[in-house]
Each structure stands twice: as structure tokens, then as C-alpha cells.
Amino acid sequence: MQTSLQSLLDVARRFGRTYHKDALVLTGVLVLIVLYGAPLLKPGMVVFSDMSFGLSSNRYLEEIFGAWNNRWSTTTLLNVARLIYIFPFYLLSLLFGASGPILIKSFIF
């Protein structure tokens, strides 16, 4: 029993000596992610660039589907590639009642 505990401690020490710098960097990255993401957890809407579409995530998809986008005066075929990136976040927003703030905040985060 004592030898197995001792060997486990030896393995933990070797692991710590090998990966202590990695753990330090990963901790720093995690802290930066939390600091960056903290404002996104507050209530309200984040609006920027061409992603300002209102309080419903369905409104954003209305701009992608169809033959012509009246807002941008372009064909919507140019915007179809966005679906690849936005679709998982759109599904998440549907879980919250097609919430626009959830869509945009999850996409940013």
C-alpha cells in the first residue's frame, strides 16, 4: 500500500515537472477567456457590423435565405457560407426561444 502511494506520488511529481509550464500557460489562457467573456454574460444585446439583426435570431436567417437581400442590395448566395458558422449558434438560440442576444453572444464567445 505504501509503495503504490509512493509510486503514484512519484508519477505526479514527474508529470508536474514536465508539464508545469503548460499548466501555467493554459491557466493564463483560461483567465483571459473568462475576462473577455464576462461582459457577454451580462443582460442586453451586443451589436456590431453586419450582425445587427434585432432581438430574434430568426431575423438574421431571413437575411440569408431567399433570392435577394433588400438590406444589403446583394444576392443572398453570397451569404450562404455564413450558415456553416452560424448554424450551431442558431440552434443554441432556438433553445432560448430564438433569442437574438444568445445567438450573437455565443457567436462572439
Protein backbone atom coordinates (compact mmCIF):
# COMPACT_ATOMS: atom_id res chain seq x y z
CA MET A 1 0.00 0.00 0.00
CA GLN A 2 2.78 2.40 0.95
CA THR A 3 4.78 1.62 -2.20
CA SER A 4 1.81 2.14 -4.51
CA LEU A 5 1.11 5.51 -2.88
CA GLN A 6 4.78 6.43 -3.17
CA SER A 7 4.91 5.42 -6.84
CA LEU A 8 1.75 7.44 -7.52
CA LEU A 9 3.34 10.50 -5.90
CA ASP A 10 6.49 9.97 -7.99
CA VAL A 11 4.43 9.87 -11.16
CA ALA A 12 2.61 13.06 -10.12
CA ARG A 13 5.91 14.83 -9.43
CA ARG A 14 7.35 13.82 -12.80
CA PHE A 15 4.16 14.95 -14.50
CA GLY A 16 4.33 18.29 -12.67
CA ARG A 17 7.97 18.85 -13.62
CA THR A 18 7.24 18.03 -17.25
CA TYR A 19 4.04 19.98 -17.73
CA HIS A 20 4.20 22.86 -15.22
CA LYS A 21 4.80 25.47 -17.95
CA ASP A 22 1.89 24.12 -19.99
CA ALA A 23 -0.39 24.32 -16.97
CA LEU A 24 0.71 27.91 -16.36
CA VAL A 25 0.01 28.95 -19.96
CA LEU A 26 -3.36 27.16 -20.02
CA THR A 27 -4.33 28.87 -16.77
CA GLY A 28 -3.44 32.24 -18.30
CA VAL A 29 -5.50 31.49 -21.41
CA LEU A 30 -8.46 30.42 -19.27
CA VAL A 31 -8.24 33.66 -17.26
CA LEU A 32 -8.20 35.71 -20.48
CA ILE A 33 -11.21 33.82 -21.82
CA VAL A 34 -13.14 34.45 -18.60
CA LEU A 35 -12.19 38.16 -18.58
CA TYR A 36 -13.15 38.51 -22.25
CA GLY A 37 -16.38 36.56 -21.86
CA ALA A 38 -17.59 38.23 -18.66
CA PRO A 39 -19.29 41.18 -20.42
CA LEU A 40 -21.07 38.73 -22.71
CA LEU A 41 -22.80 37.17 -19.72
CA LYS A 42 -24.49 40.43 -18.77
CA PRO A 43 -28.07 41.01 -19.94
CA GLY A 44 -28.58 43.01 -23.11
CA MET A 45 -27.72 42.94 -26.78
CA VAL A 46 -24.29 43.17 -28.38
CA VAL A 47 -24.39 44.83 -31.80
CA PHE A 48 -21.59 45.20 -34.29
CA SER A 49 -21.03 45.39 -38.04
CA ASP A 50 -23.45 43.48 -40.23
CA MET A 51 -24.61 41.23 -37.38
CA SER A 52 -27.09 43.77 -36.04
CA PHE A 53 -30.35 41.98 -36.74
CA GLY A 54 -32.63 42.54 -33.79
CA LEU A 55 -33.92 40.57 -30.87
CA SER A 56 -34.84 37.42 -32.80
CA SER A 57 -32.29 35.07 -34.31
CA ASN A 58 -34.84 34.23 -37.00
CA ARG A 59 -34.39 37.77 -38.33
CA TYR A 60 -30.76 37.00 -39.15
CA LEU A 61 -31.69 33.88 -41.11
CA GLU A 62 -34.28 35.86 -43.08
CA GLU A 63 -31.39 37.91 -44.47
CA ILE A 64 -29.58 34.79 -45.68
CA PHE A 65 -32.43 32.81 -47.25
CA GLY A 66 -34.25 33.96 -50.35
CA ALA A 67 -33.09 35.26 -53.71
CA TRP A 68 -32.29 38.89 -52.82
CA ASN A 69 -31.28 40.76 -49.68
CA ASN A 70 -33.00 44.15 -49.67
CA ARG A 71 -30.96 45.43 -46.74
CA TRP A 72 -27.60 44.96 -48.44
CA SER A 73 -28.85 45.03 -52.06
CA THR A 74 -27.00 41.82 -52.84
CA THR A 75 -27.85 38.30 -53.73
CA THR A 76 -28.19 36.09 -50.69
CA LEU A 77 -25.99 33.44 -52.28
CA LEU A 78 -23.02 35.49 -51.09
CA ASN A 79 -24.20 35.00 -47.50
CA VAL A 80 -24.92 31.27 -47.58
CA ALA A 81 -21.39 30.44 -46.42
CA ARG A 82 -22.24 32.12 -43.11
CA LEU A 83 -24.68 29.32 -42.36
CA ILE A 84 -21.79 26.93 -41.82
CA TYR A 85 -20.50 29.05 -38.97
CA ILE A 86 -23.75 30.38 -37.51
CA PHE A 87 -25.89 27.21 -37.58
CA PRO A 88 -24.70 25.67 -34.24
CA PHE A 89 -25.22 29.02 -32.51
CA TYR A 90 -28.60 29.41 -34.16
CA LEU A 91 -29.64 26.02 -32.76
CA LEU A 92 -28.50 27.16 -29.32
CA SER A 93 -30.57 30.34 -29.65
CA LEU A 94 -33.63 28.26 -30.56
CA LEU A 95 -33.32 26.55 -27.18
CA PHE A 96 -33.84 30.02 -25.67
CA GLY A 97 -36.82 31.00 -27.82
CA ALA A 98 -34.92 32.26 -30.90
CA SER A 99 -33.08 34.78 -28.75
CA GLY A 100 -31.02 37.25 -30.77
CA PRO A 101 -28.77 38.14 -27.82
CA ILE A 102 -27.97 34.44 -27.26
CA LEU A 103 -27.11 34.00 -30.95
CA ILE A 104 -24.75 36.95 -31.15
CA LYS A 105 -23.11 36.40 -27.75
CA SER A 106 -22.46 32.71 -28.35
CA PHE A 107 -21.09 33.52 -31.81
CA ILE A 108 -18.69 36.09 -30.37
CA PHE A 109 -17.65 33.90 -27.46
